[in-house]
All heavy atoms as atom14 arrays in JSON, in Angstrom:
{
  "sequence": "RLFDRNTGRIIVVPLDHGVTVGPIYGIVDLRDTVNQIAEGGANA",
  "atom14_mask": [
    [1, 1, 1, 1, 1, 1, 1, 1, 1, 1, 1, 0, 0, 0],
    [1, 1, 1, 1, 1, 1, 1, 1, 0, 0, 0, 0, 0, 0],
    [1, 1, 1, 1, 1, 1, 1, 1, 1, 1, 1, 0, 0, 0],
    [1, 1, 1, 1, 1, 1, 1, 1, 0, 0, 0, 0, 0, 0],
    [1, 1, 1, 1, 1, 1, 1, 1, 1, 1, 1, 0, 0, 0],
    [1, 1, 1, 1, 1, 1, 1, 1, 0, 0, 0, 0, 0, 0],
    [1, 1, 1, 1, 1, 1, 1, 0, 0, 0, 0, 0, 0, 0],
    [1, 1, 1, 1, 0, 0, 0, 0, 0, 0, 0, 0, 0, 0],
    [1, 1, 1, 1, 1, 1, 1, 1, 1, 1, 1, 0, 0, 0],
    [1, 1, 1, 1, 1, 1, 1, 1, 0, 0, 0, 0, 0, 0],
    [1, 1, 1, 1, 1, 1, 1, 1, 0, 0, 0, 0, 0, 0],
    [1, 1, 1, 1, 1, 1, 1, 0, 0, 0, 0, 0, 0, 0],
    [1, 1, 1, 1, 1, 1, 1, 0, 0, 0, 0, 0, 0, 0],
    [1, 1, 1, 1, 1, 1, 1, 0, 0, 0, 0, 0, 0, 0],
    [1, 1, 1, 1, 1, 1, 1, 1, 0, 0, 0, 0, 0, 0],
    [1, 1, 1, 1, 1, 1, 1, 1, 0, 0, 0, 0, 0, 0],
    [1, 1, 1, 1, 1, 1, 1, 1, 1, 1, 0, 0, 0, 0],
    [1, 1, 1, 1, 0, 0, 0, 0, 0, 0, 0, 0, 0, 0],
    [1, 1, 1, 1, 1, 1, 1, 0, 0, 0, 0, 0, 0, 0],
    [1, 1, 1, 1, 1, 1, 1, 0, 0, 0, 0, 0, 0, 0],
    [1, 1, 1, 1, 1, 1, 1, 0, 0, 0, 0, 0, 0, 0],
    [1, 1, 1, 1, 0, 0, 0, 0, 0, 0, 0, 0, 0, 0],
    [1, 1, 1, 1, 1, 1, 1, 0, 0, 0, 0, 0, 0, 0],
    [1, 1, 1, 1, 1, 1, 1, 1, 0, 0, 0, 0, 0, 0],
    [1, 1, 1, 1, 1, 1, 1, 1, 1, 1, 1, 1, 0, 0],
    [1, 1, 1, 1, 0, 0, 0, 0, 0, 0, 0, 0, 0, 0],
    [1, 1, 1, 1, 1, 1, 1, 1, 0, 0, 0, 0, 0, 0],
    [1, 1, 1, 1, 1, 1, 1, 0, 0, 0, 0, 0, 0, 0],
    [1, 1, 1, 1, 1, 1, 1, 1, 0, 0, 0, 0, 0, 0],
    [1, 1, 1, 1, 1, 1, 1, 1, 0, 0, 0, 0, 0, 0],
    [1, 1, 1, 1, 1, 1, 1, 1, 1, 1, 1, 0, 0, 0],
    [1, 1, 1, 1, 1, 1, 1, 1, 0, 0, 0, 0, 0, 0],
    [1, 1, 1, 1, 1, 1, 1, 0, 0, 0, 0, 0, 0, 0],
    [1, 1, 1, 1, 1, 1, 1, 0, 0, 0, 0, 0, 0, 0],
    [1, 1, 1, 1, 1, 1, 1, 1, 0, 0, 0, 0, 0, 0],
    [1, 1, 1, 1, 1, 1, 1, 1, 1, 0, 0, 0, 0, 0],
    [1, 1, 1, 1, 1, 1, 1, 1, 0, 0, 0, 0, 0, 0],
    [1, 1, 1, 1, 1, 0, 0, 0, 0, 0, 0, 0, 0, 0],
    [1, 1, 1, 1, 1, 1, 1, 1, 1, 0, 0, 0, 0, 0],
    [1, 1, 1, 1, 0, 0, 0, 0, 0, 0, 0, 0, 0, 0],
    [1, 1, 1, 1, 0, 0, 0, 0, 0, 0, 0, 0, 0, 0],
    [1, 1, 1, 1, 1, 0, 0, 0, 0, 0, 0, 0, 0, 0],
    [1, 1, 1, 1, 1, 1, 1, 1, 0, 0, 0, 0, 0, 0],
    [1, 1, 1, 1, 1, 0, 0, 0, 0, 0, 0, 0, 0, 0]
  ],
  "atom14_positions": [
    [[60.42, -21.77, 92.96], [59.1, -22.34, 92.88], [58.09, -21.36, 92.32], [57.16, -21.71, 91.65], [58.61, -22.77, 94.27], [59.33, -23.98, 94.89], [58.75, -24.29, 96.26], [59.54, -25.28, 96.98], [59.62, -25.32, 98.31], [58.99, -24.44, 99.05], [60.37, -26.23, 98.85], [0.0, 0.0, 0.0], [0.0, 0.0, 0.0], [0.0, 0.0, 0.0]],
    [[58.35, -20.06, 92.57], [57.45, -19.05, 92.13], [57.72, -18.58, 90.75], [56.81, -18.35, 89.97], [57.49, -17.81, 93.1], [57.0, -18.04, 94.56], [57.35, -16.87, 95.4], [55.52, -18.32, 94.52], [0.0, 0.0, 0.0], [0.0, 0.0, 0.0], [0.0, 0.0, 0.0], [0.0, 0.0, 0.0], [0.0, 0.0, 0.0], [0.0, 0.0, 0.0]],
    [[58.96, -18.35, 90.41], [59.33, -17.85, 89.05], [59.65, -19.0, 88.15], [60.27, -19.99, 88.52], [60.57, -16.95, 89.17], [60.26, -15.54, 89.68], [60.09, -15.31, 91.04], [60.14, -14.47, 88.82], [59.74, -14.09, 91.53], [59.84, -13.22, 89.31], [59.63, -13.0, 90.65], [0.0, 0.0, 0.0], [0.0, 0.0, 0.0], [0.0, 0.0, 0.0]],
    [[59.25, -18.85, 86.88], [59.63, -19.84, 85.87], [61.2, -19.83, 85.73], [61.78, -18.75, 85.54], [58.99, -19.45, 84.54], [59.28, -20.47, 83.45], [60.42, -20.47, 82.91], [58.36, -21.23, 83.11], [0.0, 0.0, 0.0], [0.0, 0.0, 0.0], [0.0, 0.0, 0.0], [0.0, 0.0, 0.0], [0.0, 0.0, 0.0], [0.0, 0.0, 0.0]],
    [[61.78, -20.97, 85.85], [63.25, -21.02, 85.87], [63.83, -20.68, 84.52], [65.0, -20.2, 84.45], [63.68, -22.45, 86.24], [63.38, -22.84, 87.68], [63.93, -24.19, 88.01], [63.66, -24.58, 89.36], [64.14, -25.67, 89.95], [64.85, -26.5, 89.28], [63.85, -25.94, 91.2], [0.0, 0.0, 0.0], [0.0, 0.0, 0.0], [0.0, 0.0, 0.0]],
    [[63.11, -20.84, 83.45], [63.65, -20.59, 82.13], [63.49, -19.11, 81.71], [64.41, -18.56, 81.09], [62.98, -21.5, 81.05], [63.21, -22.96, 81.29], [64.37, -23.35, 81.6], [62.24, -23.77, 81.19], [0.0, 0.0, 0.0], [0.0, 0.0, 0.0], [0.0, 0.0, 0.0], [0.0, 0.0, 0.0], [0.0, 0.0, 0.0], [0.0, 0.0, 0.0]],
    [[62.4, -18.52, 82.11], [62.16, -17.08, 81.71], [62.49, -16.1, 82.79], [62.67, -14.92, 82.47], [60.67, -16.92, 81.29], [59.82, -17.11, 82.44], [60.28, -17.9, 80.22], [0.0, 0.0, 0.0], [0.0, 0.0, 0.0], [0.0, 0.0, 0.0], [0.0, 0.0, 0.0], [0.0, 0.0, 0.0], [0.0, 0.0, 0.0], [0.0, 0.0, 0.0]],
    [[62.5, -16.54, 84.03], [62.69, -15.6, 85.13], [61.53, -14.71, 85.33], [61.59, -13.59, 85.99], [0.0, 0.0, 0.0], [0.0, 0.0, 0.0], [0.0, 0.0, 0.0], [0.0, 0.0, 0.0], [0.0, 0.0, 0.0], [0.0, 0.0, 0.0], [0.0, 0.0, 0.0], [0.0, 0.0, 0.0], [0.0, 0.0, 0.0], [0.0, 0.0, 0.0]],
    [[60.35, -15.11, 84.83], [59.16, -14.3, 84.95], [58.08, -15.04, 85.77], [58.2, -16.23, 86.08], [58.61, -13.95, 83.55], [59.54, -13.1, 82.73], [59.08, -12.92, 81.31], [60.07, -12.15, 80.5], [60.09, -12.26, 79.14], [59.19, -12.98, 78.5], [61.01, -11.6, 78.44], [0.0, 0.0, 0.0], [0.0, 0.0, 0.0], [0.0, 0.0, 0.0]],
    [[56.97, -14.31, 86.04], [55.98, -14.9, 86.98], [54.59, -14.39, 86.63], [54.42, -13.25, 86.21], [56.37, -14.52, 88.42], [55.46, -15.26, 89.43], [56.28, -13.02, 88.63], [55.91, -15.09, 90.87], [0.0, 0.0, 0.0], [0.0, 0.0, 0.0], [0.0, 0.0, 0.0], [0.0, 0.0, 0.0], [0.0, 0.0, 0.0], [0.0, 0.0, 0.0]],
    [[53.61, -15.28, 86.86], [52.19, -14.92, 86.73], [51.56, -15.26, 88.07], [51.48, -16.42, 88.48], [51.48, -15.7, 85.61], [52.07, -15.37, 84.25], [49.99, -15.46, 85.62], [51.55, -16.24, 83.1], [0.0, 0.0, 0.0], [0.0, 0.0, 0.0], [0.0, 0.0, 0.0], [0.0, 0.0, 0.0], [0.0, 0.0, 0.0], [0.0, 0.0, 0.0]],
    [[51.12, -14.22, 88.76], [50.47, -14.37, 90.09], [48.97, -13.93, 89.93], [48.71, -12.93, 89.28], [51.09, -13.48, 91.18], [50.42, -13.68, 92.53], [52.62, -13.84, 91.24], [0.0, 0.0, 0.0], [0.0, 0.0, 0.0], [0.0, 0.0, 0.0], [0.0, 0.0, 0.0], [0.0, 0.0, 0.0], [0.0, 0.0, 0.0], [0.0, 0.0, 0.0]],
    [[48.08, -14.68, 90.5], [46.68, -14.31, 90.58], [46.28, -14.03, 92.07], [46.11, -14.97, 92.81], [45.75, -15.36, 89.96], [44.28, -14.87, 89.96], [46.2, -15.72, 88.53], [0.0, 0.0, 0.0], [0.0, 0.0, 0.0], [0.0, 0.0, 0.0], [0.0, 0.0, 0.0], [0.0, 0.0, 0.0], [0.0, 0.0, 0.0], [0.0, 0.0, 0.0]],
    [[46.18, -12.79, 92.43], [45.74, -12.49, 93.81], [44.28, -12.83, 94.03], [43.42, -12.51, 93.15], [45.98, -10.97, 93.94], [46.88, -10.61, 92.73], [46.55, -11.58, 91.7], [0.0, 0.0, 0.0], [0.0, 0.0, 0.0], [0.0, 0.0, 0.0], [0.0, 0.0, 0.0], [0.0, 0.0, 0.0], [0.0, 0.0, 0.0], [0.0, 0.0, 0.0]],
    [[44.0, -13.38, 95.17], [42.63, -13.78, 95.54], [42.3, -13.24, 96.96], [41.53, -13.84, 97.68], [42.48, -15.32, 95.52], [42.81, -15.99, 94.17], [42.91, -17.5, 94.37], [41.71, -15.68, 93.15], [0.0, 0.0, 0.0], [0.0, 0.0, 0.0], [0.0, 0.0, 0.0], [0.0, 0.0, 0.0], [0.0, 0.0, 0.0], [0.0, 0.0, 0.0]],
    [[42.9, -12.12, 97.28], [42.79, -11.57, 98.61], [41.7, -10.52, 98.75], [41.51, -9.91, 99.84], [44.1, -10.88, 99.04], [44.47, -9.77, 98.04], [44.51, -10.03, 96.84], [44.74, -8.63, 98.52], [0.0, 0.0, 0.0], [0.0, 0.0, 0.0], [0.0, 0.0, 0.0], [0.0, 0.0, 0.0], [0.0, 0.0, 0.0], [0.0, 0.0, 0.0]],
    [[40.86, -10.4, 97.73], [39.87, -9.34, 97.7], [38.71, -9.49, 98.71], [37.97, -8.52, 99.01], [39.22, -9.27, 96.32], [40.24, -9.04, 95.23], [41.19, -10.0, 94.9], [40.44, -8.01, 94.35], [41.98, -9.56, 93.94], [41.5, -8.37, 93.57], [0.0, 0.0, 0.0], [0.0, 0.0, 0.0], [0.0, 0.0, 0.0], [0.0, 0.0, 0.0]],
    [[38.53, -10.67, 99.28], [37.48, -10.92, 100.21], [37.51, -10.03, 101.42], [36.5, -9.66, 101.99], [0.0, 0.0, 0.0], [0.0, 0.0, 0.0], [0.0, 0.0, 0.0], [0.0, 0.0, 0.0], [0.0, 0.0, 0.0], [0.0, 0.0, 0.0], [0.0, 0.0, 0.0], [0.0, 0.0, 0.0], [0.0, 0.0, 0.0], [0.0, 0.0, 0.0]],
    [[38.74, -9.76, 101.91], [38.88, -8.87, 103.05], [38.48, -7.4, 102.67], [37.77, -6.77, 103.42], [40.33, -8.9, 103.58], [40.56, -7.77, 104.59], [40.61, -10.22, 104.29], [0.0, 0.0, 0.0], [0.0, 0.0, 0.0], [0.0, 0.0, 0.0], [0.0, 0.0, 0.0], [0.0, 0.0, 0.0], [0.0, 0.0, 0.0], [0.0, 0.0, 0.0]],
    [[38.91, -7.0, 101.51], [38.7, -5.61, 101.12], [37.28, -5.35, 100.71], [36.67, -4.38, 101.2], [39.63, -5.29, 99.9], [40.97, -5.62, 100.25], [39.54, -3.79, 99.59], [0.0, 0.0, 0.0], [0.0, 0.0, 0.0], [0.0, 0.0, 0.0], [0.0, 0.0, 0.0], [0.0, 0.0, 0.0], [0.0, 0.0, 0.0], [0.0, 0.0, 0.0]],
    [[36.71, -6.2, 99.88], [35.37, -5.93, 99.35], [34.36, -7.01, 99.53], [33.25, -6.93, 99.01], [35.42, -5.52, 97.8], [36.19, -4.26, 97.62], [36.11, -6.69, 97.06], [0.0, 0.0, 0.0], [0.0, 0.0, 0.0], [0.0, 0.0, 0.0], [0.0, 0.0, 0.0], [0.0, 0.0, 0.0], [0.0, 0.0, 0.0], [0.0, 0.0, 0.0]],
    [[34.73, -8.11, 100.2], [33.79, -9.21, 100.43], [33.87, -10.26, 99.36], [34.73, -10.26, 98.48], [0.0, 0.0, 0.0], [0.0, 0.0, 0.0], [0.0, 0.0, 0.0], [0.0, 0.0, 0.0], [0.0, 0.0, 0.0], [0.0, 0.0, 0.0], [0.0, 0.0, 0.0], [0.0, 0.0, 0.0], [0.0, 0.0, 0.0], [0.0, 0.0, 0.0]],
    [[32.96, -11.26, 99.45], [32.98, -12.42, 98.53], [32.46, -12.09, 97.18], [31.33, -12.52, 96.79], [32.18, -13.47, 99.26], [31.2, -12.66, 100.08], [31.92, -11.41, 100.49], [0.0, 0.0, 0.0], [0.0, 0.0, 0.0], [0.0, 0.0, 0.0], [0.0, 0.0, 0.0], [0.0, 0.0, 0.0], [0.0, 0.0, 0.0], [0.0, 0.0, 0.0]],
    [[33.17, -11.35, 96.36], [32.71, -10.96, 95.02], [32.8, -12.14, 94.06], [33.4, -13.18, 94.35], [33.6, -9.78, 94.49], [35.07, -10.17, 94.43], [33.37, -8.54, 95.34], [35.96, -9.08, 93.79], [0.0, 0.0, 0.0], [0.0, 0.0, 0.0], [0.0, 0.0, 0.0], [0.0, 0.0, 0.0], [0.0, 0.0, 0.0], [0.0, 0.0, 0.0]],
    [[32.17, -11.97, 92.93], [32.14, -13.02, 91.89], [33.55, -13.48, 91.56], [34.43, -12.67, 91.34], [31.44, -12.5, 90.63], [31.53, -13.46, 89.46], [30.73, -14.61, 89.42], [32.41, -13.21, 88.43], [30.81, -15.53, 88.37], [32.47, -14.08, 87.34], [31.71, -15.24, 87.33], [31.78, -16.11, 86.28], [0.0, 0.0, 0.0], [0.0, 0.0, 0.0]],
    [[33.73, -14.77, 91.51], [35.01, -15.33, 91.18], [35.78, -15.88, 92.35], [36.71, -16.7, 92.18], [0.0, 0.0, 0.0], [0.0, 0.0, 0.0], [0.0, 0.0, 0.0], [0.0, 0.0, 0.0], [0.0, 0.0, 0.0], [0.0, 0.0, 0.0], [0.0, 0.0, 0.0], [0.0, 0.0, 0.0], [0.0, 0.0, 0.0], [0.0, 0.0, 0.0]],
    [[35.43, -15.45, 93.54], [36.13, -15.94, 94.73], [35.19, -16.48, 95.79], [35.58, -16.68, 96.93], [37.07, -14.87, 95.38], [36.27, -13.6, 95.82], [38.21, -14.52, 94.42], [37.08, -12.66, 96.62], [0.0, 0.0, 0.0], [0.0, 0.0, 0.0], [0.0, 0.0, 0.0], [0.0, 0.0, 0.0], [0.0, 0.0, 0.0], [0.0, 0.0, 0.0]],
    [[33.91, -16.7, 95.38], [33.0, -17.32, 96.34], [33.42, -18.79, 96.6], [33.54, -19.21, 97.74], [31.57, -17.25, 95.84], [30.6, -17.95, 96.73], [31.13, -15.77, 95.68], [0.0, 0.0, 0.0], [0.0, 0.0, 0.0], [0.0, 0.0, 0.0], [0.0, 0.0, 0.0], [0.0, 0.0, 0.0], [0.0, 0.0, 0.0], [0.0, 0.0, 0.0]],
    [[33.57, -19.51, 95.53], [34.07, -20.91, 95.61], [35.55, -20.89, 95.23], [35.97, -21.03, 94.09], [33.3, -21.8, 94.63], [33.72, -23.29, 94.74], [34.75, -23.56, 95.34], [33.03, -24.12, 94.16], [0.0, 0.0, 0.0], [0.0, 0.0, 0.0], [0.0, 0.0, 0.0], [0.0, 0.0, 0.0], [0.0, 0.0, 0.0], [0.0, 0.0, 0.0]],
    [[36.36, -20.69, 96.26], [37.8, -20.49, 96.0], [38.51, -21.72, 95.49], [39.42, -21.63, 94.69], [38.45, -20.0, 97.3], [39.75, -19.12, 97.04], [39.42, -17.88, 96.22], [40.36, -18.75, 98.38], [0.0, 0.0, 0.0], [0.0, 0.0, 0.0], [0.0, 0.0, 0.0], [0.0, 0.0, 0.0], [0.0, 0.0, 0.0], [0.0, 0.0, 0.0]],
    [[38.03, -22.9, 95.92], [38.67, -24.12, 95.46], [38.53, -24.27, 93.94], [39.43, -24.64, 93.2], [38.1, -25.34, 96.18], [38.81, -26.65, 95.86], [38.39, -27.82, 96.77], [38.96, -27.66, 98.1], [38.33, -27.34, 99.16], [37.0, -27.11, 99.14], [38.91, -27.28, 100.38], [0.0, 0.0, 0.0], [0.0, 0.0, 0.0], [0.0, 0.0, 0.0]],
    [[37.32, -23.98, 93.43], [37.1, -24.11, 91.99], [37.91, -23.05, 91.2], [38.5, -23.38, 90.18], [35.58, -23.87, 91.7], [35.3, -23.95, 90.22], [35.47, -25.01, 89.62], [34.86, -22.88, 89.66], [0.0, 0.0, 0.0], [0.0, 0.0, 0.0], [0.0, 0.0, 0.0], [0.0, 0.0, 0.0], [0.0, 0.0, 0.0], [0.0, 0.0, 0.0]],
    [[37.99, -21.86, 91.78], [38.78, -20.83, 91.14], [40.25, -21.21, 91.08], [40.92, -21.06, 90.01], [38.61, -19.45, 91.85], [37.26, -19.1, 91.8], [39.46, -18.39, 91.25], [0.0, 0.0, 0.0], [0.0, 0.0, 0.0], [0.0, 0.0, 0.0], [0.0, 0.0, 0.0], [0.0, 0.0, 0.0], [0.0, 0.0, 0.0], [0.0, 0.0, 0.0]],
    [[40.8, -21.69, 92.18], [42.2, -22.11, 92.18], [42.43, -23.25, 91.19], [43.44, -23.31, 90.53], [42.6, -22.56, 93.58], [44.01, -23.13, 93.57], [42.64, -21.31, 94.5], [0.0, 0.0, 0.0], [0.0, 0.0, 0.0], [0.0, 0.0, 0.0], [0.0, 0.0, 0.0], [0.0, 0.0, 0.0], [0.0, 0.0, 0.0], [0.0, 0.0, 0.0]],
    [[41.47, -24.17, 91.08], [41.59, -25.22, 90.06], [41.73, -24.67, 88.68], [42.6, -25.05, 87.91], [40.32, -26.13, 90.11], [40.56, -27.4, 90.88], [41.64, -27.96, 90.95], [39.52, -27.88, 91.55], [0.0, 0.0, 0.0], [0.0, 0.0, 0.0], [0.0, 0.0, 0.0], [0.0, 0.0, 0.0], [0.0, 0.0, 0.0], [0.0, 0.0, 0.0]],
    [[40.9, -23.68, 88.33], [40.95, -23.08, 87.02], [42.31, -22.33, 86.8], [42.89, -22.34, 85.74], [39.78, -22.08, 86.84], [38.44, -22.75, 86.83], [37.37, -21.71, 86.7], [37.28, -20.99, 85.66], [36.45, -21.58, 87.62], [0.0, 0.0, 0.0], [0.0, 0.0, 0.0], [0.0, 0.0, 0.0], [0.0, 0.0, 0.0], [0.0, 0.0, 0.0]],
    [[42.72, -21.69, 87.87], [43.99, -20.94, 87.78], [45.2, -21.88, 87.58], [46.06, -21.62, 86.76], [44.19, -20.08, 89.06], [43.18, -18.96, 89.07], [45.6, -19.53, 89.15], [43.08, -18.21, 90.41], [0.0, 0.0, 0.0], [0.0, 0.0, 0.0], [0.0, 0.0, 0.0], [0.0, 0.0, 0.0], [0.0, 0.0, 0.0], [0.0, 0.0, 0.0]],
    [[45.18, -22.94, 88.35], [46.26, -23.95, 88.19], [46.23, -24.57, 86.81], [47.29, -24.74, 86.17], [46.13, -25.0, 89.28], [0.0, 0.0, 0.0], [0.0, 0.0, 0.0], [0.0, 0.0, 0.0], [0.0, 0.0, 0.0], [0.0, 0.0, 0.0], [0.0, 0.0, 0.0], [0.0, 0.0, 0.0], [0.0, 0.0, 0.0], [0.0, 0.0, 0.0]],
    [[45.05, -24.93, 86.32], [44.96, -25.53, 84.98], [45.43, -24.58, 83.92], [45.97, -25.02, 82.88], [43.53, -25.92, 84.7], [43.04, -27.2, 85.43], [43.96, -28.4, 85.12], [44.19, -28.65, 83.88], [44.37, -29.07, 86.04], [0.0, 0.0, 0.0], [0.0, 0.0, 0.0], [0.0, 0.0, 0.0], [0.0, 0.0, 0.0], [0.0, 0.0, 0.0]],
    [[45.24, -23.3, 84.15], [45.69, -22.28, 83.18], [47.18, -22.11, 83.16], [47.76, -21.47, 82.26], [0.0, 0.0, 0.0], [0.0, 0.0, 0.0], [0.0, 0.0, 0.0], [0.0, 0.0, 0.0], [0.0, 0.0, 0.0], [0.0, 0.0, 0.0], [0.0, 0.0, 0.0], [0.0, 0.0, 0.0], [0.0, 0.0, 0.0], [0.0, 0.0, 0.0]],
    [[47.87, -22.58, 84.24], [49.3, -22.51, 84.28], [49.91, -21.34, 85.03], [51.08, -20.93, 84.78], [0.0, 0.0, 0.0], [0.0, 0.0, 0.0], [0.0, 0.0, 0.0], [0.0, 0.0, 0.0], [0.0, 0.0, 0.0], [0.0, 0.0, 0.0], [0.0, 0.0, 0.0], [0.0, 0.0, 0.0], [0.0, 0.0, 0.0], [0.0, 0.0, 0.0]],
    [[49.14, -20.68, 85.88], [49.71, -19.56, 86.68], [50.81, -20.08, 87.56], [50.84, -21.27, 87.97], [48.64, -18.89, 87.55], [0.0, 0.0, 0.0], [0.0, 0.0, 0.0], [0.0, 0.0, 0.0], [0.0, 0.0, 0.0], [0.0, 0.0, 0.0], [0.0, 0.0, 0.0], [0.0, 0.0, 0.0], [0.0, 0.0, 0.0], [0.0, 0.0, 0.0]],
    [[51.77, -19.27, 87.92], [52.84, -19.65, 88.78], [52.44, -19.65, 90.23], [52.99, -20.43, 91.01], [54.07, -18.73, 88.58], [54.63, -18.82, 87.17], [54.3, -17.93, 86.33], [55.41, -19.8, 86.9], [0.0, 0.0, 0.0], [0.0, 0.0, 0.0], [0.0, 0.0, 0.0], [0.0, 0.0, 0.0], [0.0, 0.0, 0.0], [0.0, 0.0, 0.0]],
    [[51.52, -18.77, 90.65], [51.14, -18.68, 92.06], [49.79, -18.05, 92.2], [49.36, -17.25, 91.37], [52.22, -17.86, 92.83], [0.0, 0.0, 0.0], [0.0, 0.0, 0.0], [0.0, 0.0, 0.0], [0.0, 0.0, 0.0], [0.0, 0.0, 0.0], [0.0, 0.0, 0.0], [0.0, 0.0, 0.0], [0.0, 0.0, 0.0], [0.0, 0.0, 0.0]]
  ]
}
């Protein structure tokens, strides 16, 4: 589910920065960001 079955490669976008540095630009509205990431075709 995580790796592309044909290439054996993966694109992950970490969104865990809120714990480390707070709600920085890009992760304030996480649902919108995940929408954009999914539309772009990230694996996870």
